[in-house]
């Protein structure tokens, strides 16, 4: 099993959600986050004053998938979240040791 965490631009959420659903992913957690990567933020002008926006708004998507679904899920995220511009985000994949569904006590693949 794999735990996939993706940091994406907020306006791409609906497209990514639909692509993941088509890839067979049944659930996800989405969190509003702020951060920066290589772009280190940017400067903006407000009422004539220039200020630096260090942390940019992003969304963090977290999904748990079987090993068989992992490549399809990664492809779904990367192809739909890509704009070709700086700040498109990252996808991180971790091995998932155990999953337990609290309500039924199902474990691992049955709990996904």
PDB file of N, CA and C in Angstrom:
ATOM      1  N   UNK A   1       0.846  -1.179   0.000  1.00  0.00           N
ATOM      2  CA  UNK A   1       0.000   0.000   0.000  1.00  0.00           C
ATOM      3  C   UNK A   1       0.889   1.238   0.000  1.00  0.00           C
ATOM      4  N   UNK A   2       0.368   2.305  -0.535  1.00  0.00           N
ATOM      5  CA  UNK A   2       1.122   3.562  -0.643  1.00  0.00           C
ATOM      6  C   UNK A   2       0.308   4.708  -0.068  1.00  0.00           C
ATOM      7  N   UNK A   3       1.005   5.666   0.524  1.00  0.00           N
ATOM      8  CA  UNK A   3       0.432   6.917   1.000  1.00  0.00           C
ATOM      9  C   UNK A   3       0.965   7.985   0.065  1.00  0.00           C
ATOM     10  N   UNK A   4       0.071   8.627  -0.682  1.00  0.00           N
ATOM     11  CA  UNK A   4       0.486   9.640  -1.653  1.00  0.00           C
ATOM     12  C   UNK A   4       0.053  11.003  -1.147  1.00  0.00           C
ATOM     13  N   UNK A   5       1.012  11.909  -1.065  1.00  0.00           N
ATOM     14  CA  UNK A   5       0.756  13.288  -0.669  1.00  0.00           C
ATOM     15  C   UNK A   5       1.120  14.174  -1.851  1.00  0.00           C
ATOM     16  N   UNK A   6       0.191  15.014  -2.252  1.00  0.00           N
ATOM     17  CA  UNK A   6       0.438  15.918  -3.375  1.00  0.00           C
ATOM     18  C   UNK A   6       0.152  17.347  -2.935  1.00  0.00           C
ATOM     19  N   UNK A   7       1.043  18.250  -3.274  1.00  0.00           N
ATOM     20  CA  UNK A   7       0.858  19.682  -3.043  1.00  0.00           C
ATOM     21  C   UNK A   7       0.550  20.291  -4.409  1.00  0.00           C
ATOM     22  N   UNK A   8      -0.623  20.916  -4.532  1.00  0.00           N
ATOM     23  CA  UNK A   8      -1.043  21.440  -5.831  1.00  0.00           C
ATOM     24  C   UNK A   8      -1.559  22.870  -5.691  1.00  0.00           C
ATOM     25  N   UNK A   9      -1.734  23.521  -6.844  1.00  0.00           N
ATOM     26  CA  UNK A   9      -2.359  24.846  -6.856  1.00  0.00           C
ATOM     27  C   UNK A   9      -3.852  24.686  -6.565  1.00  0.00           C
ATOM     28  N   UNK A  10      -4.434  25.584  -5.781  1.00  0.00           N
ATOM     29  CA  UNK A  10      -5.842  25.433  -5.361  1.00  0.00           C
ATOM     30  C   UNK A  10      -6.840  25.307  -6.503  1.00  0.00           C
ATOM     31  N   UNK A  11      -6.658  26.031  -7.590  1.00  0.00           N
ATOM     32  CA  UNK A  11      -7.652  26.009  -8.661  1.00  0.00           C
ATOM     33  C   UNK A  11      -7.654  24.697  -9.442  1.00  0.00           C
ATOM     34  N   UNK A  12      -6.707  23.812  -9.177  1.00  0.00           N
ATOM     35  CA  UNK A  12      -6.630  22.530  -9.867  1.00  0.00           C
ATOM     36  C   UNK A  12      -7.357  21.401  -9.123  1.00  0.00           C
ATOM     37  N   UNK A  13      -7.934  21.686  -7.962  1.00  0.00           N
ATOM     38  CA  UNK A  13      -8.509  20.637  -7.130  1.00  0.00           C
ATOM     39  C   UNK A  13      -9.603  19.845  -7.837  1.00  0.00           C
ATOM     40  N   UNK A  14     -10.560  20.504  -8.453  1.00  0.00           N
ATOM     41  CA  UNK A  14     -11.673  19.791  -9.079  1.00  0.00           C
ATOM     42  C   UNK A  14     -11.196  18.849 -10.186  1.00  0.00           C
ATOM     43  N   UNK A  15     -10.257  19.310 -10.985  1.00  0.00           N
ATOM     44  CA  UNK A  15      -9.724  18.466 -12.059  1.00  0.00           C
ATOM     45  C   UNK A  15      -9.003  17.248 -11.497  1.00  0.00           C
ATOM     46  N   UNK A  16      -8.195  17.469 -10.454  1.00  0.00           N
ATOM     47  CA  UNK A  16      -7.452  16.372  -9.842  1.00  0.00           C
ATOM     48  C   UNK A  16      -8.421  15.383  -9.190  1.00  0.00           C
ATOM     49  N   UNK A  17      -9.433  15.882  -8.502  1.00  0.00           N
ATOM     50  CA  UNK A  17     -10.416  15.010  -7.846  1.00  0.00           C
ATOM     51  C   UNK A  17     -11.118  14.120  -8.874  1.00  0.00           C
ATOM     52  N   UNK A  18     -11.534  14.714  -9.988  1.00  0.00           N
ATOM     53  CA  UNK A  18     -12.203  13.940 -11.036  1.00  0.00           C
ATOM     54  C   UNK A  18     -11.274  12.901 -11.652  1.00  0.00           C
ATOM     55  N   UNK A  19     -10.024  13.264 -11.881  1.00  0.00           N
ATOM     56  CA  UNK A  19      -9.063  12.327 -12.458  1.00  0.00           C
ATOM     57  C   UNK A  19      -8.783  11.169 -11.495  1.00  0.00           C
ATOM     58  N   UNK A  20      -8.693  11.460 -10.202  1.00  0.00           N
ATOM     59  CA  UNK A  20      -8.471  10.401  -9.223  1.00  0.00           C
ATOM     60  C   UNK A  20      -9.678   9.471  -9.137  1.00  0.00           C
ATOM     61  N   UNK A  21     -10.875  10.034  -9.214  1.00  0.00           N
ATOM     62  CA  UNK A  21     -12.078   9.200  -9.199  1.00  0.00           C
ATOM     63  C   UNK A  21     -12.087   8.265 -10.401  1.00  0.00           C
ATOM     64  N   UNK A  22     -11.701   8.763 -11.575  1.00  0.00           N
ATOM     65  CA  UNK A  22     -11.622   7.929 -12.776  1.00  0.00           C
ATOM     66  C   UNK A  22     -10.551   6.850 -12.643  1.00  0.00           C
ATOM     67  N   UNK A  23      -9.504   7.133 -11.853  1.00  0.00           N
ATOM     68  CA  UNK A  23      -8.425   6.163 -11.636  1.00  0.00           C
ATOM     69  C   UNK A  23      -8.793   5.136 -10.563  1.00  0.00           C
ATOM     70  N   UNK A  24      -9.970   5.290  -9.947  1.00  0.00           N
ATOM     71  CA  UNK A  24     -10.423   4.316  -8.963  1.00  0.00           C
ATOM     72  C   UNK A  24     -10.138   4.660  -7.519  1.00  0.00           C
ATOM     73  N   UNK A  25      -9.642   5.869  -7.261  1.00  0.00           N
ATOM     74  CA  UNK A  25      -9.378   6.286  -5.879  1.00  0.00           C
ATOM     75  C   UNK A  25     -10.707   6.659  -5.234  1.00  0.00           C
ATOM     76  N   UNK A  26     -10.999   6.062  -4.084  1.00  0.00           N
ATOM     77  CA  UNK A  26     -12.317   6.226  -3.476  1.00  0.00           C
ATOM     78  C   UNK A  26     -12.401   7.328  -2.437  1.00  0.00           C
ATOM     79  N   UNK A  27     -11.300   7.796  -1.908  1.00  0.00           N
ATOM     80  CA  UNK A  27     -11.369   8.839  -0.889  1.00  0.00           C
ATOM     81  C   UNK A  27     -10.088   9.646  -0.848  1.00  0.00           C
ATOM     82  N   UNK A  28     -10.171  10.807  -0.262  1.00  0.00           N
ATOM     83  CA  UNK A  28      -8.992  11.660  -0.125  1.00  0.00           C
ATOM     84  C   UNK A  28      -9.206  12.649   1.004  1.00  0.00           C
ATOM     85  N   UNK A  29      -8.128  13.187   1.494  1.00  0.00           N
ATOM     86  CA  UNK A  29      -8.159  14.268   2.467  1.00  0.00           C
ATOM     87  C   UNK A  29      -7.505  15.477   1.821  1.00  0.00           C
ATOM     88  N   UNK A  30      -8.147  16.630   1.935  1.00  0.00           N
ATOM     89  CA  UNK A  30      -7.612  17.862   1.354  1.00  0.00           C
ATOM     90  C   UNK A  30      -7.444  18.886   2.468  1.00  0.00           C
ATOM     91  N   UNK A  31      -6.270  19.485   2.534  1.00  0.00           N
ATOM     92  CA  UNK A  31      -5.955  20.480   3.549  1.00  0.00           C
ATOM     93  C   UNK A  31      -5.435  21.737   2.871  1.00  0.00           C
ATOM     94  N   UNK A  32      -5.905  22.906   3.320  1.00  0.00           N
ATOM     95  CA  UNK A  32      -5.344  24.161   2.824  1.00  0.00           C
ATOM     96  C   UNK A  32      -4.030  24.404   3.553  1.00  0.00           C
ATOM     97  N   UNK A  33      -2.969  24.632   2.787  1.00  0.00           N
ATOM     98  CA  UNK A  33      -1.642  24.855   3.352  1.00  0.00           C
ATOM     99  C   UNK A  33      -1.013  26.066   2.683  1.00  0.00           C
ATOM    100  N   UNK A  34       0.082  26.530   3.242  1.00  0.00           N
ATOM    101  CA  UNK A  34       0.865  27.607   2.634  1.00  0.00           C
ATOM    102  C   UNK A  34       2.308  27.164   2.609  1.00  0.00           C
ATOM    103  N   UNK A  35       3.023  27.569   1.580  1.00  0.00           N
ATOM    104  CA  UNK A  35       4.423  27.202   1.498  1.00  0.00           C
ATOM    105  C   UNK A  35       5.087  27.813   0.288  1.00  0.00           C
ATOM    106  N   UNK A  36       6.346  27.444   0.108  1.00  0.00           N
ATOM    107  CA  UNK A  36       7.074  27.880  -1.085  1.00  0.00           C
ATOM    108  C   UNK A  36       8.132  26.847  -1.404  1.00  0.00           C
ATOM    109  N   UNK A  37       8.534  26.843  -2.637  1.00  0.00           N
ATOM    110  CA  UNK A  37       9.601  25.971  -3.108  1.00  0.00           C
ATOM    111  C   UNK A  37      10.689  26.814  -3.703  1.00  0.00           C
ATOM    112  N   UNK A  38      11.084  26.492  -4.895  1.00  0.00           N
ATOM    113  CA  UNK A  38      12.168  27.220  -5.557  1.00  0.00           C
ATOM    114  C   UNK A  38      11.796  28.663  -5.868  1.00  0.00           C
ATOM    115  N   UNK A  39      10.484  28.954  -6.004  1.00  0.00           N
ATOM    116  CA  UNK A  39      10.105  30.317  -6.383  1.00  0.00           C
ATOM    117  C   UNK A  39      10.245  31.295  -5.221  1.00  0.00           C
ATOM    118  N   UNK A  40      10.324  30.798  -3.984  1.00  0.00           N
ATOM    119  CA  UNK A  40      10.519  31.642  -2.796  1.00  0.00           C
ATOM    120  C   UNK A  40       9.508  32.782  -2.700  1.00  0.00           C
ATOM    121  N   UNK A  41       8.282  32.545  -3.090  1.00  0.00           N
ATOM    122  CA  UNK A  41       7.252  33.574  -2.990  1.00  0.00           C
ATOM    123  C   UNK A  41       7.403  34.604  -4.094  1.00  0.00           C
ATOM    124  N   UNK A  42       6.723  35.732  -3.920  1.00  0.00           N
ATOM    125  CA  UNK A  42       6.787  36.795  -4.917  1.00  0.00           C
ATOM    126  C   UNK A  42       6.415  38.119  -4.252  1.00  0.00           C
ATOM    127  N   UNK A  43       6.601  39.219  -4.990  1.00  0.00           N
ATOM    128  CA  UNK A  43       6.240  40.528  -4.446  1.00  0.00           C
ATOM    129  C   UNK A  43       4.936  40.996  -5.084  1.00  0.00           C
ATOM    130  N   UNK A  44       4.149  41.709  -4.295  1.00  0.00           N
ATOM    131  CA  UNK A  44       2.892  42.270  -4.788  1.00  0.00           C
ATOM    132  C   UNK A  44       2.830  43.738  -4.411  1.00  0.00           C
ATOM    133  N   UNK A  45       1.982  44.470  -5.108  1.00  0.00           N
ATOM    134  CA  UNK A  45       1.797  45.889  -4.856  1.00  0.00           C
ATOM    135  C   UNK A  45       0.399  46.103  -4.290  1.00  0.00           C
ATOM    136  N   UNK A  46       0.300  46.741  -3.123  1.00  0.00           N
ATOM    137  CA  UNK A  46      -0.994  47.014  -2.505  1.00  0.00           C
ATOM    138  C   UNK A  46      -1.033  48.466  -2.057  1.00  0.00           C
ATOM    139  N   UNK A  47      -1.944  49.253  -2.663  1.00  0.00           N
ATOM    140  CA  UNK A  47      -2.065  50.682  -2.360  1.00  0.00           C
ATOM    141  C   UNK A  47      -0.735  51.412  -2.420  1.00  0.00           C
ATOM    142  N   UNK A  48       0.029  51.081  -3.447  1.00  0.00           N
ATOM    143  CA  UNK A  48       1.296  51.769  -3.666  1.00  0.00           C
ATOM    144  C   UNK A  48       2.463  51.218  -2.879  1.00  0.00           C
ATOM    145  N   UNK A  49       2.211  50.309  -1.950  1.00  0.00           N
ATOM    146  CA  UNK A  49       3.300  49.731  -1.151  1.00  0.00           C
ATOM    147  C   UNK A  49       3.605  48.326  -1.660  1.00  0.00           C
ATOM    148  N   UNK A  50       4.868  48.052  -1.811  1.00  0.00           N
ATOM    149  CA  UNK A  50       5.289  46.734  -2.262  1.00  0.00           C
ATOM    150  C   UNK A  50       5.563  45.859  -1.047  1.00  0.00           C
ATOM    151  N   UNK A  51       5.087  44.621  -1.091  1.00  0.00           N
ATOM    152  CA  UNK A  51       5.366  43.697   0.003  1.00  0.00           C
ATOM    153  C   UNK A  51       5.612  42.295  -0.554  1.00  0.00           C
ATOM    154  N   UNK A  52       6.295  41.494   0.228  1.00  0.00           N
ATOM    155  CA  UNK A  52       6.685  40.158  -0.201  1.00  0.00           C
ATOM    156  C   UNK A  52       5.694  39.141   0.341  1.00  0.00           C
ATOM    157  N   UNK A  53       5.207  38.280  -0.533  1.00  0.00           N
ATOM    158  CA  UNK A  53       4.372  37.160  -0.126  1.00  0.00           C
ATOM    159  C   UNK A  53       5.286  35.945  -0.073  1.00  0.00           C
ATOM    160  N   UNK A  54       5.716  35.580   1.153  1.00  0.00           N
ATOM    161  CA  UNK A  54       6.661  34.479   1.310  1.00  0.00           C
ATOM    162  C   UNK A  54       5.996  33.115   1.134  1.00  0.00           C
ATOM    163  N   UNK A  55       4.811  32.963   1.685  1.00  0.00           N
ATOM    164  CA  UNK A  55       4.126  31.681   1.651  1.00  0.00           C
ATOM    165  C   UNK A  55       2.921  31.770   0.724  1.00  0.00           C
ATOM    166  N   UNK A  56       2.902  30.902  -0.272  1.00  0.00           N
ATOM    167  CA  UNK A  56       1.831  30.906  -1.255  1.00  0.00           C
ATOM    168  C   UNK A  56       0.762  29.877  -0.881  1.00  0.00           C
ATOM    169  N   UNK A  57      -0.507  30.169  -1.144  1.00  0.00           N
ATOM    170  CA  UNK A  57      -1.560  29.209  -0.816  1.00  0.00           C
ATOM    171  C   UNK A  57      -1.491  27.988  -1.732  1.00  0.00           C
ATOM    172  N   UNK A  58      -1.577  26.825  -1.134  1.00  0.00           N
ATOM    173  CA  UNK A  58      -1.566  25.555  -1.859  1.00  0.00           C
ATOM    174  C   UNK A  58      -2.597  24.635  -1.212  1.00  0.00           C
ATOM    175  N   UNK A  59      -2.845  23.500  -1.843  1.00  0.00           N
ATOM    176  CA  UNK A  59      -3.671  22.455  -1.259  1.00  0.00           C
ATOM    177  C   UNK A  59      -2.829  21.194  -1.129  1.00  0.00           C
ATOM    178  N   UNK A  60      -3.006  20.509  -0.011  1.00  0.00           N
ATOM    179  CA  UNK A  60      -2.338  19.224   0.191  1.00  0.00           C
ATOM    180  C   UNK A  60      -3.391  18.136   0.084  1.00  0.00           C
ATOM    181  N   UNK A  61      -3.198  17.227  -0.854  1.00  0.00           N
ATOM    182  CA  UNK A  61      -4.087  16.088  -1.045  1.00  0.00           C
ATOM    183  C   UNK A  61      -3.371  14.856  -0.507  1.00  0.00           C
ATOM    184  N   UNK A  62      -4.077  14.081   0.307  1.00  0.00           N
ATOM    185  CA  UNK A  62      -3.506  12.851   0.845  1.00  0.00           C
ATOM    186  C   UNK A  62      -4.437  11.696   0.504  1.00  0.00           C
ATOM    187  N   UNK A  63      -3.868  10.632  -0.067  1.00  0.00           N
ATOM    188  CA  UNK A  63      -4.659   9.450  -0.410  1.00  0.00           C
ATOM    189  C   UNK A  63      -3.883   8.192  -0.034  1.00  0.00           C
ATOM    190  N   UNK A  64      -4.619   7.164   0.327  1.00  0.00           N
ATOM    191  CA  UNK A  64      -4.053   5.844   0.576  1.00  0.00           C
ATOM    192  C   UNK A  64      -4.562   4.929  -0.530  1.00  0.00           C
ATOM    193  N   UNK A  65      -3.648   4.245  -1.204  1.00  0.00           N
ATOM    194  CA  UNK A  65      -4.028   3.390  -2.327  1.00  0.00           C
ATOM    195  C   UNK A  65      -3.274   2.069  -2.256  1.00  0.00           C
ATOM    196  N   UNK A  66      -3.804   1.083  -2.963  1.00  0.00           N
ATOM    197  CA  UNK A  66      -3.094  -0.189  -3.090  1.00  0.00           C
ATOM    198  C   UNK A  66      -1.882   0.008  -3.997  1.00  0.00           C
ATOM    199  N   UNK A  67      -0.959  -0.928  -3.934  1.00  0.00           N
ATOM    200  CA  UNK A  67       0.224  -0.833  -4.797  1.00  0.00           C
ATOM    201  C   UNK A  67      -0.167  -0.806  -6.268  1.00  0.00           C
ATOM    202  N   UNK A  68      -1.237  -1.539  -6.614  1.00  0.00           N
ATOM    203  CA  UNK A  68      -1.682  -1.593  -8.006  1.00  0.00           C
ATOM    204  C   UNK A  68      -2.253  -0.259  -8.478  1.00  0.00           C
ATOM    205  N   UNK A  69      -2.870   0.499  -7.580  1.00  0.00           N
ATOM    206  CA  UNK A  69      -3.478   1.785  -7.948  1.00  0.00           C
ATOM    207  C   UNK A  69      -2.479   2.933  -7.950  1.00  0.00           C
ATOM    208  N   UNK A  70      -1.340   2.752  -7.330  1.00  0.00           N
ATOM    209  CA  UNK A  70      -0.412   3.863  -7.086  1.00  0.00           C
ATOM    210  C   UNK A  70       0.006   4.573  -8.369  1.00  0.00           C
ATOM    211  N   UNK A  71       0.450   3.836  -9.380  1.00  0.00           N
ATOM    212  CA  UNK A  71       0.926   4.478 -10.607  1.00  0.00           C
ATOM    213  C   UNK A  71      -0.192   5.233 -11.322  1.00  0.00           C
ATOM    214  N   UNK A  72      -1.397   4.651 -11.343  1.00  0.00           N
ATOM    215  CA  UNK A  72      -2.533   5.342 -11.974  1.00  0.00           C
ATOM    216  C   UNK A  72      -2.855   6.629 -11.224  1.00  0.00           C
ATOM    217  N   UNK A  73      -2.806   6.598  -9.883  1.00  0.00           N
ATOM    218  CA  UNK A  73      -3.104   7.781  -9.085  1.00  0.00           C
ATOM    219  C   UNK A  73      -2.047   8.863  -9.304  1.00  0.00           C
ATOM    220  N   UNK A  74      -0.793   8.464  -9.330  1.00  0.00           N
ATOM    221  CA  UNK A  74       0.297   9.427  -9.549  1.00  0.00           C
ATOM    222  C   UNK A  74       0.158  10.077 -10.921  1.00  0.00           C
ATOM    223  N   UNK A  75      -0.125   9.283 -11.931  1.00  0.00           N
ATOM    224  CA  UNK A  75      -0.300   9.813 -13.286  1.00  0.00           C
ATOM    225  C   UNK A  75      -1.500  10.751 -13.352  1.00  0.00           C
ATOM    226  N   UNK A  76      -2.583  10.395 -12.675  1.00  0.00           N
ATOM    227  CA  UNK A  76      -3.781  11.242 -12.666  1.00  0.00           C
ATOM    228  C   UNK A  76      -3.475  12.600 -12.051  1.00  0.00           C
ATOM    229  N   UNK A  77      -2.740  12.605 -10.946  1.00  0.00           N
ATOM    230  CA  UNK A  77      -2.396  13.876 -10.286  1.00  0.00           C
ATOM    231  C   UNK A  77      -1.447  14.687 -11.152  1.00  0.00           C
ATOM    232  N   UNK A  78      -0.370  14.055 -11.599  1.00  0.00           N
ATOM    233  CA  UNK A  78       0.649  14.816 -12.329  1.00  0.00           C
ATOM    234  C   UNK A  78       0.135  15.369 -13.650  1.00  0.00           C
ATOM    235  N   UNK A  79      -0.717  14.630 -14.337  1.00  0.00           N
ATOM    236  CA  UNK A  79      -1.185  15.120 -15.633  1.00  0.00           C
ATOM    237  C   UNK A  79      -2.234  16.224 -15.486  1.00  0.00           C
ATOM    238  N   UNK A  80      -3.048  16.183 -14.434  1.00  0.00           N
ATOM    239  CA  UNK A  80      -4.092  17.198 -14.299  1.00  0.00           C
ATOM    240  C   UNK A  80      -3.643  18.417 -13.498  1.00  0.00           C
ATOM    241  N   UNK A  81      -2.667  18.267 -12.617  1.00  0.00           N
ATOM    242  CA  UNK A  81      -2.217  19.404 -11.809  1.00  0.00           C
ATOM    243  C   UNK A  81      -1.177  20.254 -12.530  1.00  0.00           C
ATOM    244  N   UNK A  82      -0.630  19.750 -13.602  1.00  0.00           N
ATOM    245  CA  UNK A  82       0.450  20.447 -14.315  1.00  0.00           C
ATOM    246  C   UNK A  82      -0.085  21.631 -15.113  1.00  0.00           C
ATOM    247  N   UNK A  83       0.536  22.806 -14.899  1.00  0.00           N
ATOM    248  CA  UNK A  83       0.246  23.976 -15.725  1.00  0.00           C
ATOM    249  C   UNK A  83       1.458  24.338 -16.584  1.00  0.00           C
ATOM    250  N   UNK A  84       2.620  23.811 -16.214  1.00  0.00           N
ATOM    251  CA  UNK A  84       3.846  24.138 -16.932  1.00  0.00           C
ATOM    252  C   UNK A  84       4.545  25.358 -16.372  1.00  0.00           C
ATOM    253  N   UNK A  85       4.001  25.918 -15.302  1.00  0.00           N
ATOM    254  CA  UNK A  85       4.584  27.109 -14.686  1.00  0.00           C
ATOM    255  C   UNK A  85       5.189  26.751 -13.334  1.00  0.00           C
ATOM    256  N   UNK A  86       6.065  27.622 -12.855  1.00  0.00           N
ATOM    257  CA  UNK A  86       6.683  27.427 -11.552  1.00  0.00           C
ATOM    258  C   UNK A  86       5.602  27.348 -10.486  1.00  0.00           C
ATOM    259  N   UNK A  87       5.770  26.435  -9.541  1.00  0.00           N
ATOM    260  CA  UNK A  87       4.820  26.337  -8.437  1.00  0.00           C
ATOM    261  C   UNK A  87       3.718  25.321  -8.644  1.00  0.00           C
ATOM    262  N   UNK A  88       3.846  24.451  -9.651  1.00  0.00           N
ATOM    263  CA  UNK A  88       2.821  23.428  -9.882  1.00  0.00           C
ATOM    264  C   UNK A  88       2.693  22.458  -8.712  1.00  0.00           C
ATOM    265  N   UNK A  89       3.757  22.238  -7.967  1.00  0.00           N
ATOM    266  CA  UNK A  89       3.673  21.410  -6.774  1.00  0.00           C
ATOM    267  C   UNK A  89       4.565  20.191  -6.810  1.00  0.00           C
ATOM    268  N   UNK A  90       4.284  19.280  -5.881  1.00  0.00           N
ATOM    269  CA  UNK A  90       5.084  18.070  -5.719  1.00  0.00           C
ATOM    270  C   UNK A  90       4.153  16.901  -5.418  1.00  0.00           C
ATOM    271  N   UNK A  91       4.634  15.690  -5.726  1.00  0.00           N
ATOM    272  CA  UNK A  91       3.961  14.455  -5.325  1.00  0.00           C
ATOM    273  C   UNK A  91       4.989  13.637  -4.554  1.00  0.00           C
ATOM    274  N   UNK A  92       4.612  13.211  -3.367  1.00  0.00           N
ATOM    275  CA  UNK A  92       5.487  12.390  -2.538  1.00  0.00           C
ATOM    276  C   UNK A  92       4.786  11.067  -2.260  1.00  0.00           C
ATOM    277  N   UNK A  93       5.517   9.972  -2.374  1.00  0.00           N
ATOM    278  CA  UNK A  93       4.941   8.640  -2.206  1.00  0.00           C
ATOM    279  C   UNK A  93       5.688   7.926  -1.083  1.00  0.00           C
ATOM    280  N   UNK A  94       4.913   7.385  -0.142  1.00  0.00           N
ATOM    281  CA  UNK A  94       5.473   6.688   1.009  1.00  0.00           C
ATOM    282  C   UNK A  94       4.887   5.278   1.079  1.00  0.00           C
ATOM    283  N   UNK A  95       5.659   4.339   1.593  1.00  0.00           N
ATOM    284  CA  UNK A  95       5.115   3.020   1.881  1.00  0.00           C
ATOM    285  C   UNK A  95       4.186   3.131   3.077  1.00  0.00           C
ATOM    286  N   UNK A  96       3.067   2.450   3.003  1.00  0.00           N
ATOM    287  CA  UNK A  96       2.056   2.488   4.057  1.00  0.00           C
ATOM    288  C   UNK A  96       2.050   1.125   4.729  1.00  0.00           C
ATOM    289  N   UNK A  97       2.404   1.098   5.990  1.00  0.00           N
ATOM    290  CA  UNK A  97       2.573  -0.159   6.704  1.00  0.00           C
ATOM    291  C   UNK A  97       1.252  -0.840   7.051  1.00  0.00           C
ATOM    292  N   UNK A  98       0.301  -0.072   7.558  1.00  0.00           N
ATOM    293  CA  UNK A  98      -0.957  -0.677   7.978  1.00  0.00           C
ATOM    294  C   UNK A  98      -2.086   0.348   7.923  1.00  0.00           C
ATOM    295  N   UNK A  99      -3.284  -0.121   7.561  1.00  0.00           N
ATOM    296  CA  UNK A  99      -4.485   0.706   7.561  1.00  0.00           C
ATOM    297  C   UNK A  99      -5.562  -0.065   8.315  1.00  0.00           C
ATOM    298  N   UNK A 100      -6.292   0.630   9.182  1.00  0.00           N
ATOM    299  CA  UNK A 100      -7.383   0.007   9.932  1.00  0.00           C
ATOM    300  C   UNK A 100      -8.615   0.888   9.804  1.00  0.00           C
ATOM    301  N   UNK A 101      -9.725   0.311   9.335  1.00  0.00           N
ATOM    302  CA  UNK A 101     -10.991   1.036   9.303  1.00  0.00           C
ATOM    303  C   UNK A 101     -11.580   0.951  10.711  1.00  0.00           C
ATOM    304  N   UNK A 102     -11.787   2.074  11.349  1.00  0.00           N
ATOM    305  CA  UNK A 102     -12.220   2.104  12.739  1.00  0.00           C
ATOM    306  C   UNK A 102     -13.584   1.445  12.925  1.00  0.00           C
ATOM    307  N   UNK A 103     -14.533   1.754  12.064  1.00  0.00           N
ATOM    308  CA  UNK A 103     -15.903   1.253  12.236  1.00  0.00           C
ATOM    309  C   UNK A 103     -15.984  -0.265  12.193  1.00  0.00           C
ATOM    310  N   UNK A 104     -15.309  -0.897  11.216  1.00  0.00           N
ATOM    311  CA  UNK A 104     -15.467  -2.337  11.013  1.00  0.00           C
ATOM    312  C   UNK A 104     -14.258  -3.148  11.445  1.00  0.00           C
ATOM    313  N   UNK A 105     -13.159  -2.479  11.776  1.00  0.00           N
ATOM    314  CA  UNK A 105     -11.897  -3.135  12.140  1.00  0.00           C
ATOM    315  C   UNK A 105     -11.252  -3.880  10.953  1.00  0.00           C
ATOM    316  N   UNK A 106     -11.680  -3.574   9.730  1.00  0.00           N
ATOM    317  CA  UNK A 106     -11.015  -4.149   8.565  1.00  0.00           C
ATOM    318  C   UNK A 106      -9.598  -3.604   8.512  1.00  0.00           C
ATOM    319  N   UNK A 107      -8.685  -4.400   7.956  1.00  0.00           N
ATOM    320  CA  UNK A 107      -7.300  -3.969   7.907  1.00  0.00           C
ATOM    321  C   UNK A 107      -6.765  -4.002   6.482  1.00  0.00           C
ATOM    322  N   UNK A 108      -5.734  -3.209   6.282  1.00  0.00           N
ATOM    323  CA  UNK A 108      -4.967  -3.128   5.043  1.00  0.00           C
ATOM    324  C   UNK A 108      -5.844  -2.898   3.808  1.00  0.00           C
ATOM    325  N   UNK A 109      -5.709  -3.710   2.764  1.00  0.00           N
ATOM    326  CA  UNK A 109      -6.429  -3.438   1.509  1.00  0.00           C
ATOM    327  C   UNK A 109      -7.931  -3.398   1.700  1.00  0.00           C
ATOM    328  N   UNK A 110      -8.462  -4.220   2.612  1.00  0.00           N
ATOM    329  CA  UNK A 110      -9.912  -4.202   2.875  1.00  0.00           C
ATOM    330  C   UNK A 110     -10.353  -2.888   3.486  1.00  0.00           C
ATOM    331  N   UNK A 111      -9.465  -2.212   4.180  1.00  0.00           N
ATOM    332  CA  UNK A 111      -9.809  -0.942   4.837  1.00  0.00           C
ATOM    333  C   UNK A 111      -9.754   0.244   3.882  1.00  0.00           C
ATOM    334  N   UNK A 112      -9.105   0.060   2.746  1.00  0.00           N
ATOM    335  CA  UNK A 112      -9.012   1.161   1.785  1.00  0.00           C
ATOM    336  C   UNK A 112     -10.347   1.329   1.082  1.00  0.00           C
TER     337      UNK A 112
END
